[in-house]
Amino acid sequence: MPLIKVQTSVATTDRASIDTLLKSLSASLAKHTGKPESYVMTAFEPDVPMTFGGTTDPVCYIEIKSIGSMSSAQTKAMSQDFSEQIQTALGVPLNRIYIEFSDAKGYMWGWNGSTFG
């Protein structure tokens, strides 16, 4: 049920590095949300035409969604953790990363032919 989706203007061709990043993000999201990693989904979209602050310098947009409530302490910790992981893996400066956190109601999230609510 937790999802982390990364969109970046950085063009990457090294599949092994991206797989490593996605696995790290998955484990981190499970830890931060307290949800089993078996329910965590990750997605990565490289080479997306994007601007930030009027420039096309490297930029990243991250969506984090989960069923239930994320506290301000959780989102602050996740923001730091995921931003640092992206900066290290992709070279995107911290001040060019936006993260959107969304809480979902169980009945608004489908899986396995049903919903969580």
N, C-alpha and C. Protein backbone atom coordinates (compact mmCIF):
# COMPACT_ATOMS: atom_id res chain seq x y z
N MET A 1 0.79 -1.20 0.00
CA MET A 1 0.00 0.00 0.00
C MET A 1 0.83 1.27 0.00
N PRO A 2 1.97 1.33 0.69
CA PRO A 2 2.79 2.53 0.50
C PRO A 2 3.40 2.54 -0.89
N LEU A 3 3.49 3.72 -1.45
CA LEU A 3 4.05 3.91 -2.78
C LEU A 3 5.03 5.06 -2.74
N ILE A 4 6.16 4.89 -3.40
CA ILE A 4 7.07 5.99 -3.64
C ILE A 4 7.36 6.01 -5.14
N LYS A 5 7.07 7.15 -5.75
CA LYS A 5 7.24 7.33 -7.19
C LYS A 5 8.20 8.50 -7.40
N VAL A 6 9.25 8.25 -8.15
CA VAL A 6 10.29 9.24 -8.40
C VAL A 6 10.26 9.63 -9.88
N GLN A 7 10.10 10.92 -10.13
CA GLN A 7 10.22 11.45 -11.49
C GLN A 7 11.39 12.42 -11.48
N THR A 8 12.27 12.29 -12.46
CA THR A 8 13.44 13.14 -12.51
C THR A 8 13.80 13.52 -13.93
N SER A 9 14.44 14.66 -14.05
CA SER A 9 14.91 15.10 -15.36
C SER A 9 16.23 14.43 -15.71
N VAL A 10 16.85 13.77 -14.76
CA VAL A 10 18.13 13.10 -14.98
C VAL A 10 17.91 11.87 -15.86
N ALA A 11 18.69 11.80 -16.92
CA ALA A 11 18.64 10.63 -17.81
C ALA A 11 19.57 9.57 -17.24
N THR A 12 19.06 8.38 -17.00
CA THR A 12 19.89 7.31 -16.47
C THR A 12 19.79 6.09 -17.37
N THR A 13 20.90 5.44 -17.56
CA THR A 13 20.90 4.24 -18.38
C THR A 13 21.40 3.03 -17.61
N ASP A 14 21.87 3.25 -16.40
CA ASP A 14 22.42 2.18 -15.60
C ASP A 14 21.30 1.49 -14.80
N ARG A 15 20.74 0.45 -15.34
CA ARG A 15 19.61 -0.24 -14.73
C ARG A 15 19.97 -0.79 -13.35
N ALA A 16 21.18 -1.29 -13.19
CA ALA A 16 21.57 -1.86 -11.90
C ALA A 16 21.55 -0.81 -10.80
N SER A 17 22.01 0.40 -11.09
CA SER A 17 22.00 1.47 -10.10
C SER A 17 20.57 1.86 -9.73
N ILE A 18 19.69 1.89 -10.71
CA ILE A 18 18.28 2.23 -10.45
C ILE A 18 17.62 1.13 -9.63
N ASP A 19 17.90 -0.12 -9.95
CA ASP A 19 17.34 -1.23 -9.17
C ASP A 19 17.80 -1.14 -7.71
N THR A 20 19.06 -0.80 -7.51
CA THR A 20 19.59 -0.64 -6.16
C THR A 20 18.90 0.50 -5.44
N LEU A 21 18.70 1.62 -6.13
CA LEU A 21 18.00 2.77 -5.54
C LEU A 21 16.57 2.39 -5.17
N LEU A 22 15.86 1.73 -6.08
CA LEU A 22 14.47 1.36 -5.81
C LEU A 22 14.36 0.42 -4.61
N LYS A 23 15.27 -0.53 -4.49
CA LYS A 23 15.25 -1.44 -3.35
C LYS A 23 15.53 -0.70 -2.05
N SER A 24 16.44 0.26 -2.10
CA SER A 24 16.74 1.07 -0.91
C SER A 24 15.54 1.92 -0.51
N LEU A 25 14.91 2.56 -1.51
CA LEU A 25 13.72 3.37 -1.23
C LEU A 25 12.59 2.51 -0.66
N SER A 26 12.43 1.31 -1.19
CA SER A 26 11.39 0.40 -0.71
C SER A 26 11.60 0.05 0.76
N ALA A 27 12.81 -0.35 1.10
CA ALA A 27 13.11 -0.71 2.48
C ALA A 27 12.93 0.49 3.41
N SER A 28 13.37 1.65 2.96
CA SER A 28 13.24 2.87 3.78
C SER A 28 11.78 3.24 3.99
N LEU A 29 10.96 3.14 2.94
CA LEU A 29 9.55 3.50 3.07
C LEU A 29 8.84 2.55 4.03
N ALA A 30 9.16 1.27 3.95
CA ALA A 30 8.57 0.31 4.89
C ALA A 30 8.95 0.68 6.32
N LYS A 31 10.21 1.02 6.53
CA LYS A 31 10.67 1.37 7.88
C LYS A 31 9.97 2.63 8.39
N HIS A 32 9.90 3.66 7.55
CA HIS A 32 9.30 4.93 7.97
C HIS A 32 7.81 4.81 8.26
N THR A 33 7.11 3.99 7.48
CA THR A 33 5.65 3.88 7.66
C THR A 33 5.26 2.76 8.61
N GLY A 34 6.18 1.88 8.92
CA GLY A 34 5.85 0.74 9.77
C GLY A 34 5.00 -0.30 9.08
N LYS A 35 5.00 -0.27 7.75
CA LYS A 35 4.21 -1.22 6.96
C LYS A 35 5.14 -2.31 6.42
N PRO A 36 4.62 -3.51 6.17
CA PRO A 36 5.46 -4.57 5.62
C PRO A 36 5.97 -4.19 4.22
N GLU A 37 7.24 -4.47 3.98
CA GLU A 37 7.80 -4.15 2.67
C GLU A 37 7.11 -4.94 1.56
N SER A 38 6.49 -6.05 1.90
CA SER A 38 5.79 -6.85 0.88
C SER A 38 4.64 -6.08 0.24
N TYR A 39 4.20 -4.98 0.85
CA TYR A 39 3.14 -4.14 0.29
C TYR A 39 3.67 -2.87 -0.37
N VAL A 40 4.96 -2.59 -0.26
CA VAL A 40 5.53 -1.35 -0.79
C VAL A 40 5.76 -1.46 -2.29
N MET A 41 5.38 -0.39 -3.01
CA MET A 41 5.63 -0.31 -4.45
C MET A 41 6.53 0.90 -4.71
N THR A 42 7.48 0.72 -5.62
CA THR A 42 8.35 1.82 -6.04
C THR A 42 8.22 1.99 -7.55
N ALA A 43 8.40 3.22 -8.01
CA ALA A 43 8.39 3.51 -9.44
C ALA A 43 9.43 4.58 -9.73
N PHE A 44 10.03 4.51 -10.89
CA PHE A 44 11.09 5.45 -11.27
C PHE A 44 10.90 5.86 -12.72
N GLU A 45 10.82 7.15 -12.95
CA GLU A 45 10.69 7.70 -14.31
C GLU A 45 11.84 8.67 -14.57
N PRO A 46 12.86 8.23 -15.33
CA PRO A 46 13.97 9.12 -15.65
C PRO A 46 13.69 9.95 -16.89
N ASP A 47 14.53 10.93 -17.10
CA ASP A 47 14.53 11.72 -18.34
C ASP A 47 13.18 12.38 -18.63
N VAL A 48 12.51 12.86 -17.57
CA VAL A 48 11.24 13.56 -17.73
C VAL A 48 11.53 15.03 -17.96
N PRO A 49 11.01 15.62 -19.04
CA PRO A 49 11.23 17.06 -19.24
C PRO A 49 10.61 17.84 -18.07
N MET A 50 11.45 18.57 -17.33
CA MET A 50 11.00 19.27 -16.14
C MET A 50 11.77 20.59 -16.00
N THR A 51 11.13 21.54 -15.32
CA THR A 51 11.82 22.75 -14.90
C THR A 51 11.57 22.96 -13.42
N PHE A 52 12.44 23.71 -12.80
CA PHE A 52 12.26 24.13 -11.41
C PHE A 52 12.99 25.45 -11.28
N GLY A 53 12.30 26.44 -10.76
CA GLY A 53 12.92 27.75 -10.62
C GLY A 53 13.29 28.37 -11.95
N GLY A 54 12.58 27.97 -13.00
CA GLY A 54 12.83 28.55 -14.32
C GLY A 54 14.01 27.97 -15.07
N THR A 55 14.62 26.88 -14.52
CA THR A 55 15.76 26.28 -15.22
C THR A 55 15.49 24.79 -15.46
N THR A 56 16.27 24.22 -16.36
CA THR A 56 16.19 22.79 -16.63
C THR A 56 17.34 22.03 -15.98
N ASP A 57 17.99 22.64 -14.98
CA ASP A 57 19.01 21.93 -14.22
C ASP A 57 18.38 20.69 -13.59
N PRO A 58 19.18 19.69 -13.21
CA PRO A 58 18.61 18.46 -12.66
C PRO A 58 17.60 18.73 -11.53
N VAL A 59 16.47 18.04 -11.61
CA VAL A 59 15.36 18.24 -10.68
C VAL A 59 14.68 16.89 -10.45
N CYS A 60 13.96 16.81 -9.33
CA CYS A 60 13.28 15.56 -8.99
C CYS A 60 11.98 15.87 -8.26
N TYR A 61 10.94 15.12 -8.59
CA TYR A 61 9.64 15.19 -7.91
C TYR A 61 9.34 13.79 -7.40
N ILE A 62 8.99 13.70 -6.12
CA ILE A 62 8.73 12.42 -5.49
C ILE A 62 7.32 12.43 -4.90
N GLU A 63 6.57 11.37 -5.13
CA GLU A 63 5.25 11.19 -4.51
C GLU A 63 5.36 10.04 -3.52
N ILE A 64 4.86 10.27 -2.32
CA ILE A 64 4.80 9.22 -1.31
C ILE A 64 3.35 9.13 -0.85
N LYS A 65 2.76 7.95 -1.02
CA LYS A 65 1.37 7.72 -0.64
C LYS A 65 1.30 6.52 0.28
N SER A 66 0.38 6.59 1.25
CA SER A 66 0.20 5.49 2.17
C SER A 66 -1.19 5.56 2.78
N ILE A 67 -1.70 4.40 3.14
CA ILE A 67 -2.99 4.34 3.83
C ILE A 67 -2.76 4.72 5.28
N GLY A 68 -3.60 5.58 5.79
CA GLY A 68 -3.48 6.02 7.16
C GLY A 68 -2.84 7.39 7.24
N SER A 69 -2.53 7.81 8.43
CA SER A 69 -1.99 9.15 8.64
C SER A 69 -0.49 9.11 8.81
N MET A 70 0.18 10.03 8.14
CA MET A 70 1.60 10.23 8.35
C MET A 70 1.74 11.48 9.22
N SER A 71 2.50 11.38 10.27
CA SER A 71 2.68 12.52 11.17
C SER A 71 3.71 13.49 10.59
N SER A 72 3.74 14.69 11.13
CA SER A 72 4.72 15.68 10.66
C SER A 72 6.14 15.20 10.95
N ALA A 73 6.34 14.49 12.04
CA ALA A 73 7.67 13.95 12.33
C ALA A 73 8.07 12.90 11.30
N GLN A 74 7.11 12.05 10.90
CA GLN A 74 7.39 11.04 9.87
C GLN A 74 7.74 11.69 8.54
N THR A 75 6.93 12.65 8.11
CA THR A 75 7.19 13.26 6.80
C THR A 75 8.50 14.04 6.79
N LYS A 76 8.83 14.67 7.90
CA LYS A 76 10.10 15.39 7.98
C LYS A 76 11.27 14.41 7.86
N ALA A 77 11.20 13.29 8.58
CA ALA A 77 12.26 12.28 8.52
C ALA A 77 12.35 11.67 7.12
N MET A 78 11.19 11.40 6.51
CA MET A 78 11.20 10.84 5.16
C MET A 78 11.76 11.84 4.16
N SER A 79 11.41 13.10 4.30
CA SER A 79 11.91 14.12 3.39
C SER A 79 13.45 14.16 3.41
N GLN A 80 14.01 14.14 4.60
CA GLN A 80 15.46 14.16 4.72
C GLN A 80 16.07 12.89 4.12
N ASP A 81 15.55 11.74 4.50
CA ASP A 81 16.09 10.45 4.06
C ASP A 81 16.01 10.31 2.54
N PHE A 82 14.83 10.51 1.98
CA PHE A 82 14.67 10.28 0.54
C PHE A 82 15.40 11.33 -0.29
N SER A 83 15.42 12.56 0.17
CA SER A 83 16.16 13.60 -0.56
C SER A 83 17.65 13.26 -0.60
N GLU A 84 18.19 12.81 0.52
CA GLU A 84 19.60 12.45 0.55
C GLU A 84 19.90 11.25 -0.34
N GLN A 85 18.99 10.27 -0.36
CA GLN A 85 19.20 9.12 -1.24
C GLN A 85 19.20 9.53 -2.70
N ILE A 86 18.28 10.42 -3.07
CA ILE A 86 18.21 10.89 -4.47
C ILE A 86 19.43 11.72 -4.82
N GLN A 87 19.86 12.58 -3.91
CA GLN A 87 21.05 13.39 -4.16
C GLN A 87 22.26 12.49 -4.39
N THR A 88 22.42 11.48 -3.57
CA THR A 88 23.56 10.57 -3.69
C THR A 88 23.48 9.76 -4.98
N ALA A 89 22.31 9.21 -5.28
CA ALA A 89 22.16 8.31 -6.43
C ALA A 89 22.13 9.05 -7.77
N LEU A 90 21.49 10.23 -7.80
CA LEU A 90 21.26 10.91 -9.08
C LEU A 90 21.98 12.25 -9.22
N GLY A 91 22.51 12.76 -8.11
CA GLY A 91 23.20 14.05 -8.17
C GLY A 91 22.28 15.25 -8.20
N VAL A 92 21.02 15.07 -7.85
CA VAL A 92 20.07 16.19 -7.81
C VAL A 92 20.26 16.92 -6.48
N PRO A 93 20.53 18.23 -6.52
CA PRO A 93 20.71 18.97 -5.26
C PRO A 93 19.44 18.94 -4.40
N LEU A 94 19.63 18.95 -3.08
CA LEU A 94 18.50 18.90 -2.15
C LEU A 94 17.48 20.00 -2.42
N ASN A 95 17.95 21.18 -2.80
CA ASN A 95 17.03 22.30 -3.01
C ASN A 95 16.32 22.25 -4.36
N ARG A 96 16.49 21.14 -5.09
CA ARG A 96 15.77 20.95 -6.36
C ARG A 96 14.94 19.67 -6.33
N ILE A 97 14.54 19.28 -5.12
CA ILE A 97 13.71 18.10 -4.92
C ILE A 97 12.44 18.51 -4.18
N TYR A 98 11.30 18.21 -4.78
CA TYR A 98 10.01 18.37 -4.11
C TYR A 98 9.47 16.99 -3.78
N ILE A 99 8.83 16.89 -2.61
CA ILE A 99 8.20 15.63 -2.20
C ILE A 99 6.76 15.93 -1.80
N GLU A 100 5.83 15.18 -2.37
CA GLU A 100 4.42 15.29 -2.00
C GLU A 100 4.03 14.06 -1.20
N PHE A 101 3.50 14.28 0.00
CA PHE A 101 3.02 13.20 0.86
C PHE A 101 1.50 13.17 0.80
N SER A 102 0.92 11.98 0.62
CA SER A 102 -0.53 11.85 0.56
C SER A 102 -0.98 10.68 1.41
N ASP A 103 -1.93 10.95 2.31
CA ASP A 103 -2.59 9.90 3.07
C ASP A 103 -3.79 9.43 2.26
N ALA A 104 -4.00 8.14 2.22
CA ALA A 104 -5.15 7.58 1.50
C ALA A 104 -6.05 6.84 2.47
N LYS A 105 -7.34 6.90 2.21
CA LYS A 105 -8.29 6.10 2.96
C LYS A 105 -8.26 4.68 2.40
N GLY A 106 -8.42 3.70 3.25
CA GLY A 106 -8.34 2.30 2.82
C GLY A 106 -9.28 1.95 1.68
N TYR A 107 -10.48 2.50 1.70
CA TYR A 107 -11.44 2.18 0.65
C TYR A 107 -11.12 2.87 -0.68
N MET A 108 -10.14 3.78 -0.67
CA MET A 108 -9.72 4.47 -1.89
C MET A 108 -8.46 3.85 -2.50
N TRP A 109 -8.05 2.69 -1.98
CA TRP A 109 -6.83 2.04 -2.46
C TRP A 109 -7.16 0.59 -2.77
N GLY A 110 -7.07 0.21 -4.04
CA GLY A 110 -7.40 -1.14 -4.45
C GLY A 110 -6.20 -2.04 -4.55
N TRP A 111 -6.44 -3.32 -4.28
CA TRP A 111 -5.41 -4.33 -4.40
C TRP A 111 -6.05 -5.70 -4.41
N ASN A 112 -5.54 -6.58 -5.23
CA ASN A 112 -5.95 -7.98 -5.25
C ASN A 112 -7.46 -8.14 -5.49
N GLY A 113 -8.02 -7.26 -6.32
CA GLY A 113 -9.44 -7.36 -6.66
C GLY A 113 -10.38 -6.79 -5.61
N SER A 114 -9.82 -6.12 -4.60
CA SER A 114 -10.65 -5.53 -3.55
C SER A 114 -10.03 -4.20 -3.13
N THR A 115 -10.34 -3.75 -1.93
CA THR A 115 -9.75 -2.53 -1.39
C THR A 115 -9.27 -2.83 0.03
N PHE A 116 -8.57 -1.87 0.63
CA PHE A 116 -8.10 -2.03 2.00
C PHE A 116 -9.09 -1.50 3.03
N GLY A 117 -10.27 -1.08 2.58
CA GLY A 117 -11.23 -0.53 3.54
C GLY A 117 -12.61 -1.09 3.36
